[in-house]
Amino acid sequence: MNRNSGPPSYENWKAASQDKSSLGGYEVPLFTDAHITGEILEGFGPYQFLNPIAISRASGSITPGVILRVEEYLEISLPSTAEMRHTNDALYHGGSLHDEIAALASLILGVRFKSGGINREFDLNEDPRGKPIHYQMDRNPILLEGEGKLIIPEARRTILLNDLNQLLTYPTLTPEDAIILVRASRLYQDALWIAESEPALA
């Protein structure tokens, strides 16, 4: 990506809007302790938010409450040897494309979302139903809680996925504003996730 690029989730959305051909796709669970209603199947560029109707067995446990389906349009080119000699943290925030979408959803809806590992891939010219994979399951997050009342009880509520409409403004931002938003969203996501166990750090 060049210096004027935005974060991968932003550039992927922009590429999808240019009628480029799909390069494949994948699904990844978004873990949450909120109760999820609704579903988004269209209108959000290369992203769908599927509702697996996950039912947690215990109060406060996290479940894969949303399945994020990503259609890939962005060609990732490896940096040259010369480029690798210099540090470039212009787009760095410690996560991947689906981490960005999870963080943005967390910020917009005010609940905990973290992505797990990719569990299904859709490769071109292969099974259209996709291929299940399991080697990334060590990425699945855990949620630690302190004793007593919740620090942020509002984060554990029922939300409607269709209220993600603010996300539609994401591809209209400048690349610079997009990465600022993603970084802020990632900080918010982490703070909300650790608030129950380490409120001083949040």
Protein backbone atom coordinates (compact mmCIF):
# COMPACT_ATOMS: atom_id res chain seq x y z
CA MET A 1 0.00 0.00 0.00
CA ASN A 2 1.23 3.50 -0.70
CA ARG A 3 1.54 6.33 1.74
CA ASN A 4 -1.87 7.74 0.79
CA SER A 5 -3.69 4.49 1.54
CA GLY A 6 -6.14 4.00 4.35
CA PRO A 7 -6.54 0.94 6.59
CA PRO A 8 -7.17 -2.42 4.86
CA SER A 9 -10.90 -2.57 5.72
CA TYR A 10 -11.33 0.91 4.24
CA GLU A 11 -9.34 0.18 1.09
CA ASN A 12 -11.20 -3.11 0.62
CA TRP A 13 -14.53 -1.26 0.75
CA LYS A 14 -13.29 1.35 -1.72
CA ALA A 15 -12.07 -1.40 -4.07
CA ALA A 16 -15.45 -3.16 -3.85
CA SER A 17 -17.22 0.06 -4.84
CA GLN A 18 -15.10 0.24 -8.00
CA ASP A 19 -16.66 -2.96 -9.39
CA LYS A 20 -13.42 -4.90 -9.12
CA SER A 21 -13.56 -8.68 -9.24
CA SER A 22 -13.73 -10.59 -5.98
CA LEU A 23 -10.54 -12.37 -4.96
CA GLY A 24 -12.36 -14.71 -2.59
CA GLY A 25 -13.49 -14.23 0.97
CA TYR A 26 -13.71 -15.60 4.48
CA GLU A 27 -15.80 -15.68 7.63
CA VAL A 28 -14.67 -14.85 11.13
CA PRO A 29 -16.66 -14.91 14.40
CA LEU A 30 -17.06 -11.71 16.41
CA PHE A 31 -17.20 -12.58 20.10
CA THR A 32 -19.43 -10.59 22.44
CA ASP A 33 -21.35 -10.77 25.70
CA ALA A 34 -24.16 -8.63 24.28
CA HIS A 35 -27.43 -10.12 23.01
CA ILE A 36 -27.50 -9.75 19.23
CA THR A 37 -30.62 -9.20 17.15
CA GLY A 38 -30.99 -8.44 13.46
CA GLU A 39 -28.69 -9.20 10.55
CA ILE A 40 -27.02 -7.30 7.71
CA LEU A 41 -26.86 -9.11 4.40
CA GLU A 42 -26.40 -6.23 1.95
CA GLY A 43 -25.65 -2.56 1.63
CA PHE A 44 -22.34 -2.56 3.53
CA GLY A 45 -19.96 -3.03 0.62
CA PRO A 46 -17.88 -6.21 0.97
CA TYR A 47 -19.10 -6.95 4.51
CA GLN A 48 -22.03 -8.94 5.88
CA PHE A 49 -22.96 -9.33 9.54
CA LEU A 50 -24.64 -12.71 9.99
CA ASN A 51 -26.54 -13.66 13.12
CA PRO A 52 -25.86 -17.28 14.19
CA ILE A 53 -28.39 -16.89 17.03
CA ALA A 54 -25.78 -17.77 19.63
CA ILE A 55 -27.21 -18.50 23.07
CA SER A 56 -24.80 -18.19 25.98
CA ARG A 57 -25.09 -20.91 28.62
CA ALA A 58 -24.14 -18.64 31.49
CA SER A 59 -24.75 -14.99 32.26
CA GLY A 60 -21.83 -12.92 31.03
CA SER A 61 -20.16 -15.59 28.93
CA ILE A 62 -18.95 -14.53 25.52
CA THR A 63 -20.16 -16.22 22.37
CA PRO A 64 -19.55 -15.80 18.64
CA GLY A 65 -22.61 -13.54 18.48
CA VAL A 66 -21.92 -12.35 14.93
CA ILE A 67 -20.28 -13.96 11.93
CA LEU A 68 -18.51 -11.35 9.83
CA ARG A 69 -18.32 -12.36 6.18
CA VAL A 70 -15.63 -10.54 4.24
CA GLU A 71 -15.44 -10.42 0.45
CA GLU A 72 -11.88 -9.61 -0.54
CA TYR A 73 -11.18 -7.13 -3.32
CA LEU A 74 -7.88 -5.77 -2.11
CA GLU A 75 -4.68 -7.11 -3.64
CA ILE A 76 -1.94 -7.13 -1.01
CA SER A 77 1.54 -6.70 -2.42
CA LEU A 78 4.59 -7.60 -0.36
CA PRO A 79 6.99 -4.72 0.35
CA SER A 80 10.24 -4.61 -1.54
CA THR A 81 13.56 -5.28 0.16
CA ALA A 82 14.31 -1.55 0.09
CA GLU A 83 10.96 -0.73 1.72
CA MET A 84 11.58 -3.29 4.45
CA ARG A 85 14.73 -1.44 5.52
CA HIS A 86 12.62 1.44 6.83
CA THR A 87 9.96 1.42 9.52
CA ASN A 88 6.54 2.47 8.28
CA ASP A 89 3.88 2.57 10.97
CA ALA A 90 1.47 4.83 9.09
CA LEU A 91 -1.30 2.22 9.09
CA TYR A 92 -0.22 0.12 12.06
CA HIS A 93 -2.61 -0.55 14.95
CA GLY A 94 -1.81 -4.17 15.84
CA GLY A 95 -4.72 -5.82 14.06
CA SER A 96 -6.03 -7.09 10.75
CA LEU A 97 -8.89 -6.13 8.44
CA HIS A 98 -11.52 -7.97 10.49
CA ASP A 99 -10.13 -6.55 13.73
CA GLU A 100 -10.79 -3.11 12.27
CA ILE A 101 -14.42 -3.92 11.45
CA ALA A 102 -14.96 -5.48 14.89
CA ALA A 103 -13.55 -2.37 16.57
CA LEU A 104 -15.68 -0.01 14.48
CA ALA A 105 -18.80 -2.04 15.30
CA SER A 106 -17.87 -1.96 18.99
CA LEU A 107 -17.51 1.83 18.92
CA ILE A 108 -20.75 2.43 17.03
CA LEU A 109 -22.92 0.08 19.09
CA GLY A 110 -21.19 0.55 22.45
CA VAL A 111 -20.78 -3.17 23.19
CA ARG A 112 -17.87 -5.58 23.29
CA PHE A 113 -16.80 -7.11 19.99
CA LYS A 114 -13.55 -8.92 19.30
CA SER A 115 -12.77 -11.11 16.34
CA GLY A 116 -11.67 -14.68 16.68
CA GLY A 117 -9.75 -16.67 14.10
CA ILE A 118 -10.96 -17.15 10.54
CA ASN A 119 -13.09 -20.30 10.45
CA ARG A 120 -14.17 -20.50 6.80
CA GLU A 121 -12.50 -19.48 3.56
CA PHE A 122 -14.05 -18.97 0.14
CA ASP A 123 -11.51 -19.52 -2.61
CA LEU A 124 -12.26 -18.80 -6.25
CA ASN A 125 -13.00 -21.86 -8.40
CA GLU A 126 -13.49 -24.08 -5.36
CA ASP A 127 -16.48 -25.18 -3.29
CA PRO A 128 -18.88 -22.18 -3.27
CA ARG A 129 -19.94 -23.17 0.26
CA GLY A 130 -16.40 -22.50 1.42
CA LYS A 131 -13.83 -24.55 3.26
CA PRO A 132 -13.86 -24.75 7.08
CA ILE A 133 -10.55 -24.09 8.80
CA HIS A 134 -9.59 -24.46 12.44
CA TYR A 135 -5.91 -23.56 12.82
CA GLN A 136 -6.60 -19.98 13.95
CA MET A 137 -8.78 -20.83 16.92
CA ASP A 138 -6.09 -19.78 19.36
CA ARG A 139 -7.05 -16.21 18.41
CA ASN A 140 -10.46 -16.57 20.07
CA PRO A 141 -10.62 -14.00 22.90
CA ILE A 142 -11.52 -14.51 26.54
CA LEU A 143 -13.27 -12.03 28.82
CA LEU A 144 -12.10 -11.68 32.41
CA GLU A 145 -14.35 -10.13 35.03
CA GLY A 146 -13.92 -8.90 38.56
CA GLU A 147 -16.24 -9.78 41.41
CA GLY A 148 -19.41 -7.88 42.17
CA LYS A 149 -21.38 -5.53 39.96
CA LEU A 150 -20.44 -4.77 36.38
CA ILE A 151 -18.32 -1.70 35.79
CA ILE A 152 -20.11 -0.92 32.51
CA PRO A 153 -23.45 -2.77 32.63
CA GLU A 154 -24.66 -0.90 29.52
CA ALA A 155 -22.12 -2.83 27.44
CA ARG A 156 -24.01 -6.07 28.11
CA ARG A 157 -27.35 -5.34 26.56
CA THR A 158 -29.48 -6.25 23.55
CA ILE A 159 -28.42 -4.52 20.36
CA LEU A 160 -29.74 -4.47 16.81
CA LEU A 161 -27.11 -5.04 14.14
CA ASN A 162 -29.08 -2.88 11.74
CA ASP A 163 -28.13 0.10 13.93
CA LEU A 164 -24.66 -0.06 12.36
CA ASN A 165 -25.75 2.55 9.80
CA GLN A 166 -23.01 4.95 10.90
CA LEU A 167 -20.53 2.49 9.44
CA LEU A 168 -21.78 3.51 5.99
CA THR A 169 -19.86 6.78 6.34
CA TYR A 170 -16.57 4.91 6.74
CA PRO A 171 -15.64 4.64 3.02
CA THR A 172 -16.48 8.34 2.53
CA LEU A 173 -13.65 9.45 4.85
CA THR A 174 -10.22 10.49 3.69
CA PRO A 175 -7.55 7.79 4.13
CA GLU A 176 -5.97 9.85 6.92
CA ASP A 177 -9.25 10.20 8.82
CA ALA A 178 -10.02 6.50 8.30
CA ILE A 179 -6.85 5.34 10.06
CA ILE A 180 -7.40 7.86 12.89
CA LEU A 181 -10.91 6.45 13.35
CA VAL A 182 -9.70 2.85 13.29
CA ARG A 183 -7.00 3.53 15.86
CA ALA A 184 -9.47 5.30 18.15
CA SER A 185 -11.92 2.42 17.71
CA ARG A 186 -9.23 -0.12 18.61
CA LEU A 187 -8.41 1.79 21.80
CA TYR A 188 -12.11 1.97 22.69
CA GLN A 189 -12.53 -1.74 21.93
CA ASP A 190 -9.65 -2.71 24.20
CA ALA A 191 -10.80 -0.38 27.00
CA LEU A 192 -14.31 -1.82 26.93
CA TRP A 193 -12.92 -5.34 26.92
CA ILE A 194 -10.67 -4.93 29.97
CA ALA A 195 -12.90 -2.54 31.95
CA GLU A 196 -14.52 -5.35 33.95
CA SER A 197 -11.26 -6.93 35.11
CA GLU A 198 -8.83 -3.98 35.09
CA PRO A 199 -10.85 -0.74 35.21
CA ALA A 200 -7.76 1.30 36.10
CA LEU A 201 -6.14 0.28 32.80
CA ALA A 202 -9.29 0.96 30.78
